Amino acid sequence: MLLKKTLRILYYNFFCYIMVSPLILFFVFLSLFKKIRFGNVRSQRIGHTLANTEFYLIDKKIETSHLNLDIIYKAKEVANNQSLIMVKRKLKIFPSYIAHVHNFFRLFSKSKYEIPILKGSGERDVLNRLSKNKTEIDFTEEEMNYGKEYLLRNFGCNADTEKIVYLCVRL
């Protein structure tokens, strides 16, 4: 059973690498002229999707990371479609199969081709980035109005006059 599962995974990965090999060659060629970094928007968790991406956008605005070519892709699973929509307004998000290209570059260096803030180590705001900078990811006016109407229609709460506490609880 274990051998069968291992062979299935190897076959799948081999097939995927064959399919993305033109992309790998393209990025290898491109890396001769520009520094390429890969990052995964951890879309399977809402907190990582928004917090890590917010920190990345703030750092990109402050530092010289805009000189890099950042290839950002999403995970296969998406915990919250709205959060991904909001992130896509600010970033070009590639499909999850780019992970195979990223894994190819990881063979040569574990950190050289990584966007550090998207790696998962940036969940805590120890540098006070959020209090010092304007929020990059936000709701549009239409989304805010829809949310207010939804609260009023389904819960009888007026978001303009009442104080509301939102909880995002994970079990």
C-alpha atoms as a PDB file:
ATOM      1  CA  MET A   1       0.000   0.000   0.000  1.00  0.00           C
ATOM      2  CA  LEU A   2       2.782   2.439   0.927  1.00  0.00           C
ATOM      3  CA  LEU A   3       4.723   1.527  -2.219  1.00  0.00           C
ATOM      4  CA  LYS A   4       1.628   2.089  -4.352  1.00  0.00           C
ATOM      5  CA  LYS A   5       1.031   5.505  -2.783  1.00  0.00           C
ATOM      6  CA  THR A   6       4.694   6.497  -3.210  1.00  0.00           C
ATOM      7  CA  LEU A   7       4.680   5.449  -6.877  1.00  0.00           C
ATOM      8  CA  ARG A   8       1.473   7.423  -7.468  1.00  0.00           C
ATOM      9  CA  ILE A   9       3.055  10.546  -5.934  1.00  0.00           C
ATOM     10  CA  LEU A  10       6.248  10.110  -7.982  1.00  0.00           C
ATOM     11  CA  TYR A  11       4.243   9.605 -11.170  1.00  0.00           C
ATOM     12  CA  TYR A  12       2.127  12.694 -10.448  1.00  0.00           C
ATOM     13  CA  ASN A  13       5.184  14.848  -9.670  1.00  0.00           C
ATOM     14  CA  PHE A  14       7.034  13.596 -12.754  1.00  0.00           C
ATOM     15  CA  PHE A  15       4.036  14.452 -14.928  1.00  0.00           C
ATOM     16  CA  CYS A  16       3.752  17.903 -13.330  1.00  0.00           C
ATOM     17  CA  TYR A  17       7.438  18.660 -13.845  1.00  0.00           C
ATOM     18  CA  ILE A  18       7.142  17.665 -17.507  1.00  0.00           C
ATOM     19  CA  MET A  19       4.191  20.038 -17.897  1.00  0.00           C
ATOM     20  CA  VAL A  20       5.907  23.010 -16.201  1.00  0.00           C
ATOM     21  CA  SER A  21       9.350  22.446 -17.740  1.00  0.00           C
ATOM     22  CA  PRO A  22       8.859  25.303 -20.265  1.00  0.00           C
ATOM     23  CA  LEU A  23       8.102  27.624 -17.340  1.00  0.00           C
ATOM     24  CA  ILE A  24      11.167  26.377 -15.485  1.00  0.00           C
ATOM     25  CA  LEU A  25      13.359  27.098 -18.521  1.00  0.00           C
ATOM     26  CA  PHE A  26      11.796  30.541 -18.899  1.00  0.00           C
ATOM     27  CA  PHE A  27      12.446  31.458 -15.254  1.00  0.00           C
ATOM     28  CA  VAL A  28      15.981  30.056 -15.356  1.00  0.00           C
ATOM     29  CA  PHE A  29      16.685  32.282 -18.367  1.00  0.00           C
ATOM     30  CA  LEU A  30      15.026  35.252 -16.677  1.00  0.00           C
ATOM     31  CA  SER A  31      17.048  34.718 -13.501  1.00  0.00           C
ATOM     32  CA  LEU A  32      20.192  35.565 -15.478  1.00  0.00           C
ATOM     33  CA  PHE A  33      18.962  39.173 -15.711  1.00  0.00           C
ATOM     34  CA  LYS A  34      16.779  39.734 -12.657  1.00  0.00           C
ATOM     35  CA  LYS A  35      16.551  38.304  -9.163  1.00  0.00           C
ATOM     36  CA  ILE A  36      13.556  35.974  -8.973  1.00  0.00           C
ATOM     37  CA  ARG A  37      11.766  35.128  -5.738  1.00  0.00           C
ATOM     38  CA  PHE A  38       8.813  32.832  -5.140  1.00  0.00           C
ATOM     39  CA  GLY A  39       6.172  33.037  -2.456  1.00  0.00           C
ATOM     40  CA  ASN A  40       3.068  31.131  -1.519  1.00  0.00           C
ATOM     41  CA  VAL A  41       0.010  33.028  -0.332  1.00  0.00           C
ATOM     42  CA  ARG A  42      -1.125  30.557   2.283  1.00  0.00           C
ATOM     43  CA  SER A  43      -4.746  30.807   1.217  1.00  0.00           C
ATOM     44  CA  GLN A  44      -5.801  27.706   3.150  1.00  0.00           C
ATOM     45  CA  ARG A  45      -5.865  29.898   6.286  1.00  0.00           C
ATOM     46  CA  ILE A  46      -7.573  33.289   6.349  1.00  0.00           C
ATOM     47  CA  GLY A  47      -5.141  34.833   8.835  1.00  0.00           C
ATOM     48  CA  HIS A  48      -2.100  33.911   6.766  1.00  0.00           C
ATOM     49  CA  THR A  49      -3.762  35.043   3.554  1.00  0.00           C
ATOM     50  CA  LEU A  50      -4.359  38.537   4.845  1.00  0.00           C
ATOM     51  CA  ALA A  51      -1.615  39.128   7.436  1.00  0.00           C
ATOM     52  CA  ASN A  52       1.360  37.762   5.496  1.00  0.00           C
ATOM     53  CA  THR A  53       0.228  39.488   2.309  1.00  0.00           C
ATOM     54  CA  GLU A  54      -0.320  42.785   4.148  1.00  0.00           C
ATOM     55  CA  PHE A  55       3.187  42.610   5.635  1.00  0.00           C
ATOM     56  CA  TYR A  56       4.614  41.763   2.202  1.00  0.00           C
ATOM     57  CA  LEU A  57       2.903  44.768   0.598  1.00  0.00           C
ATOM     58  CA  ILE A  58       4.089  47.121   3.344  1.00  0.00           C
ATOM     59  CA  ASP A  59       7.668  45.794   3.115  1.00  0.00           C
ATOM     60  CA  LYS A  60       7.588  46.047  -0.673  1.00  0.00           C
ATOM     61  CA  LYS A  61       6.564  49.712  -0.377  1.00  0.00           C
ATOM     62  CA  ILE A  62       9.298  50.483   2.186  1.00  0.00           C
ATOM     63  CA  GLU A  63      12.261  48.421   1.025  1.00  0.00           C
ATOM     64  CA  THR A  64      13.975  47.827  -2.279  1.00  0.00           C
ATOM     65  CA  SER A  65      12.225  44.502  -2.794  1.00  0.00           C
ATOM     66  CA  HIS A  66      10.445  46.065  -5.781  1.00  0.00           C
ATOM     67  CA  LEU A  67      13.664  45.447  -7.710  1.00  0.00           C
ATOM     68  CA  ASN A  68      12.998  41.713  -7.520  1.00  0.00           C
ATOM     69  CA  LEU A  69      10.666  39.752  -9.750  1.00  0.00           C
ATOM     70  CA  ASP A  70       8.288  38.200  -7.235  1.00  0.00           C
ATOM     71  CA  ILE A  71       6.235  35.225  -8.398  1.00  0.00           C
ATOM     72  CA  ILE A  72       3.391  34.727  -5.930  1.00  0.00           C
ATOM     73  CA  TYR A  73       1.055  31.763  -6.145  1.00  0.00           C
ATOM     74  CA  LYS A  74      -1.862  30.493  -4.083  1.00  0.00           C
ATOM     75  CA  ALA A  75      -2.297  27.207  -2.284  1.00  0.00           C
ATOM     76  CA  LYS A  76      -4.695  24.661  -3.753  1.00  0.00           C
ATOM     77  CA  GLU A  77      -7.221  25.222  -0.982  1.00  0.00           C
ATOM     78  CA  VAL A  78      -8.840  28.574  -0.291  1.00  0.00           C
ATOM     79  CA  ALA A  79     -10.278  29.171   3.183  1.00  0.00           C
ATOM     80  CA  ASN A  80     -12.050  32.412   2.316  1.00  0.00           C
ATOM     81  CA  ASN A  81     -12.806  33.510  -1.242  1.00  0.00           C
ATOM     82  CA  GLN A  82     -13.361  37.148  -0.253  1.00  0.00           C
ATOM     83  CA  SER A  83      -9.884  37.432   1.261  1.00  0.00           C
ATOM     84  CA  LEU A  84      -8.364  36.034  -1.932  1.00  0.00           C
ATOM     85  CA  ILE A  85     -10.365  38.518  -4.027  1.00  0.00           C
ATOM     86  CA  MET A  86      -9.008  41.351  -1.883  1.00  0.00           C
ATOM     87  CA  VAL A  87      -5.426  40.098  -2.221  1.00  0.00           C
ATOM     88  CA  LYS A  88      -5.810  39.706  -5.998  1.00  0.00           C
ATOM     89  CA  ARG A  89      -6.690  43.394  -6.260  1.00  0.00           C
ATOM     90  CA  LYS A  90      -3.177  44.221  -5.030  1.00  0.00           C
ATOM     91  CA  LEU A  91      -1.081  41.346  -6.405  1.00  0.00           C
ATOM     92  CA  LYS A  92      -0.878  39.150  -9.459  1.00  0.00           C
ATOM     93  CA  ILE A  93      -1.545  35.685  -8.021  1.00  0.00           C
ATOM     94  CA  PHE A  94      -0.418  32.714 -10.100  1.00  0.00           C
ATOM     95  CA  PRO A  95      -2.091  29.291  -9.998  1.00  0.00           C
ATOM     96  CA  SER A  96      -0.961  26.645  -7.535  1.00  0.00           C
ATOM     97  CA  TYR A  97       0.990  24.613 -10.139  1.00  0.00           C
ATOM     98  CA  ILE A  98       3.732  27.266  -9.962  1.00  0.00           C
ATOM     99  CA  ALA A  99       4.687  25.464  -6.734  1.00  0.00           C
ATOM    100  CA  HIS A 100       6.459  22.890  -8.930  1.00  0.00           C
ATOM    101  CA  VAL A 101       8.613  25.647 -10.453  1.00  0.00           C
ATOM    102  CA  HIS A 102       9.292  26.963  -6.946  1.00  0.00           C
ATOM    103  CA  ASN A 103      10.308  23.469  -5.783  1.00  0.00           C
ATOM    104  CA  PHE A 104      12.730  23.205  -8.705  1.00  0.00           C
ATOM    105  CA  PHE A 105      14.469  26.426  -7.637  1.00  0.00           C
ATOM    106  CA  ARG A 106      14.543  25.176  -4.026  1.00  0.00           C
ATOM    107  CA  LEU A 107      16.830  22.371  -5.190  1.00  0.00           C
ATOM    108  CA  PHE A 108      19.566  24.975  -5.651  1.00  0.00           C
ATOM    109  CA  SER A 109      18.917  27.124  -2.597  1.00  0.00           C
ATOM    110  CA  LYS A 110      16.454  26.933   0.263  1.00  0.00           C
ATOM    111  CA  SER A 111      16.377  30.700   0.829  1.00  0.00           C
ATOM    112  CA  LYS A 112      17.803  32.505  -2.217  1.00  0.00           C
ATOM    113  CA  TYR A 113      14.572  32.218  -4.214  1.00  0.00           C
ATOM    114  CA  GLU A 114      12.164  32.776  -1.294  1.00  0.00           C
ATOM    115  CA  ILE A 115      10.063  35.780  -0.339  1.00  0.00           C
ATOM    116  CA  PRO A 116      10.758  35.631   3.400  1.00  0.00           C
ATOM    117  CA  ILE A 117       7.577  37.313   4.621  1.00  0.00           C
ATOM    118  CA  LEU A 118       5.367  34.838   2.738  1.00  0.00           C
ATOM    119  CA  LYS A 119       7.280  31.865   4.073  1.00  0.00           C
ATOM    120  CA  GLY A 120       5.198  31.767   7.247  1.00  0.00           C
ATOM    121  CA  SER A 121       7.514  33.530   9.650  1.00  0.00           C
ATOM    122  CA  GLY A 122       5.820  36.897   9.329  1.00  0.00           C
ATOM    123  CA  GLU A 123       2.527  36.474  11.175  1.00  0.00           C
ATOM    124  CA  ARG A 124       3.472  38.667  14.108  1.00  0.00           C
ATOM    125  CA  ASP A 125       3.887  42.399  13.729  1.00  0.00           C
ATOM    126  CA  VAL A 126       7.009  42.767  15.866  1.00  0.00           C
ATOM    127  CA  LEU A 127       8.167  45.785  13.798  1.00  0.00           C
ATOM    128  CA  ASN A 128       4.850  47.670  14.257  1.00  0.00           C
ATOM    129  CA  ARG A 129       4.345  47.815  10.504  1.00  0.00           C
ATOM    130  CA  LEU A 130       0.556  47.984  10.780  1.00  0.00           C
ATOM    131  CA  SER A 131       0.505  50.955  13.140  1.00  0.00           C
ATOM    132  CA  LYS A 132       3.095  52.872  11.107  1.00  0.00           C
ATOM    133  CA  ASN A 133       1.616  52.330   7.630  1.00  0.00           C
ATOM    134  CA  LYS A 134      -1.683  52.634   5.834  1.00  0.00           C
ATOM    135  CA  THR A 135      -3.488  49.338   5.287  1.00  0.00           C
ATOM    136  CA  GLU A 136      -2.949  47.990   1.793  1.00  0.00           C
ATOM    137  CA  ILE A 137      -5.710  45.341   1.696  1.00  0.00           C
ATOM    138  CA  ASP A 138      -9.187  46.705   2.279  1.00  0.00           C
ATOM    139  CA  PHE A 139     -12.837  46.306   1.325  1.00  0.00           C
ATOM    140  CA  THR A 140     -14.251  48.335  -1.537  1.00  0.00           C
ATOM    141  CA  GLU A 141     -17.158  50.706  -0.916  1.00  0.00           C
ATOM    142  CA  GLU A 142     -19.544  48.242  -2.622  1.00  0.00           C
ATOM    143  CA  GLU A 143     -18.340  45.408  -0.369  1.00  0.00           C
ATOM    144  CA  MET A 144     -18.812  47.577   2.726  1.00  0.00           C
ATOM    145  CA  ASN A 145     -22.347  48.499   1.675  1.00  0.00           C
ATOM    146  CA  TYR A 146     -23.181  44.857   0.963  1.00  0.00           C
ATOM    147  CA  GLY A 147     -21.898  43.863   4.408  1.00  0.00           C
ATOM    148  CA  LYS A 148     -23.952  46.555   6.123  1.00  0.00           C
ATOM    149  CA  GLU A 149     -27.093  45.522   4.243  1.00  0.00           C
ATOM    150  CA  TYR A 150     -26.433  41.858   5.065  1.00  0.00           C
ATOM    151  CA  LEU A 151     -26.074  42.604   8.784  1.00  0.00           C
ATOM    152  CA  LEU A 152     -29.253  44.664   8.822  1.00  0.00           C
ATOM    153  CA  ARG A 153     -31.262  42.140   6.793  1.00  0.00           C
ATOM    154  CA  ASN A 154     -30.104  38.945   8.544  1.00  0.00           C
ATOM    155  CA  PHE A 155     -29.262  40.072  12.088  1.00  0.00           C
ATOM    156  CA  GLY A 156     -31.133  43.320  12.564  1.00  0.00           C
ATOM    157  CA  CYS A 157     -27.871  45.191  13.273  1.00  0.00           C
ATOM    158  CA  ASN A 158     -27.214  48.649  11.904  1.00  0.00           C
ATOM    159  CA  ALA A 159     -23.466  48.820  11.326  1.00  0.00           C
ATOM    160  CA  ASP A 160     -23.505  52.627  11.205  1.00  0.00           C
ATOM    161  CA  THR A 161     -25.041  53.125  14.665  1.00  0.00           C
ATOM    162  CA  GLU A 162     -24.326  49.951  16.673  1.00  0.00           C
ATOM    163  CA  LYS A 163     -21.050  48.539  17.920  1.00  0.00           C
ATOM    164  CA  ILE A 164     -20.410  45.081  16.500  1.00  0.00           C
ATOM    165  CA  VAL A 165     -17.746  42.578  17.523  1.00  0.00           C
ATOM    166  CA  TYR A 166     -16.558  40.107  14.880  1.00  0.00           C
ATOM    167  CA  LEU A 167     -14.918  36.821  15.767  1.00  0.00           C
ATOM    168  CA  CYS A 168     -13.011  34.502  13.484  1.00  0.00           C
ATOM    169  CA  VAL A 169     -12.714  31.306  15.510  1.00  0.00           C
ATOM    170  CA  ARG A 170     -10.834  28.210  14.442  1.00  0.00           C
ATOM    171  CA  LEU A 171     -11.585  24.842  16.000  1.00  0.00           C
END
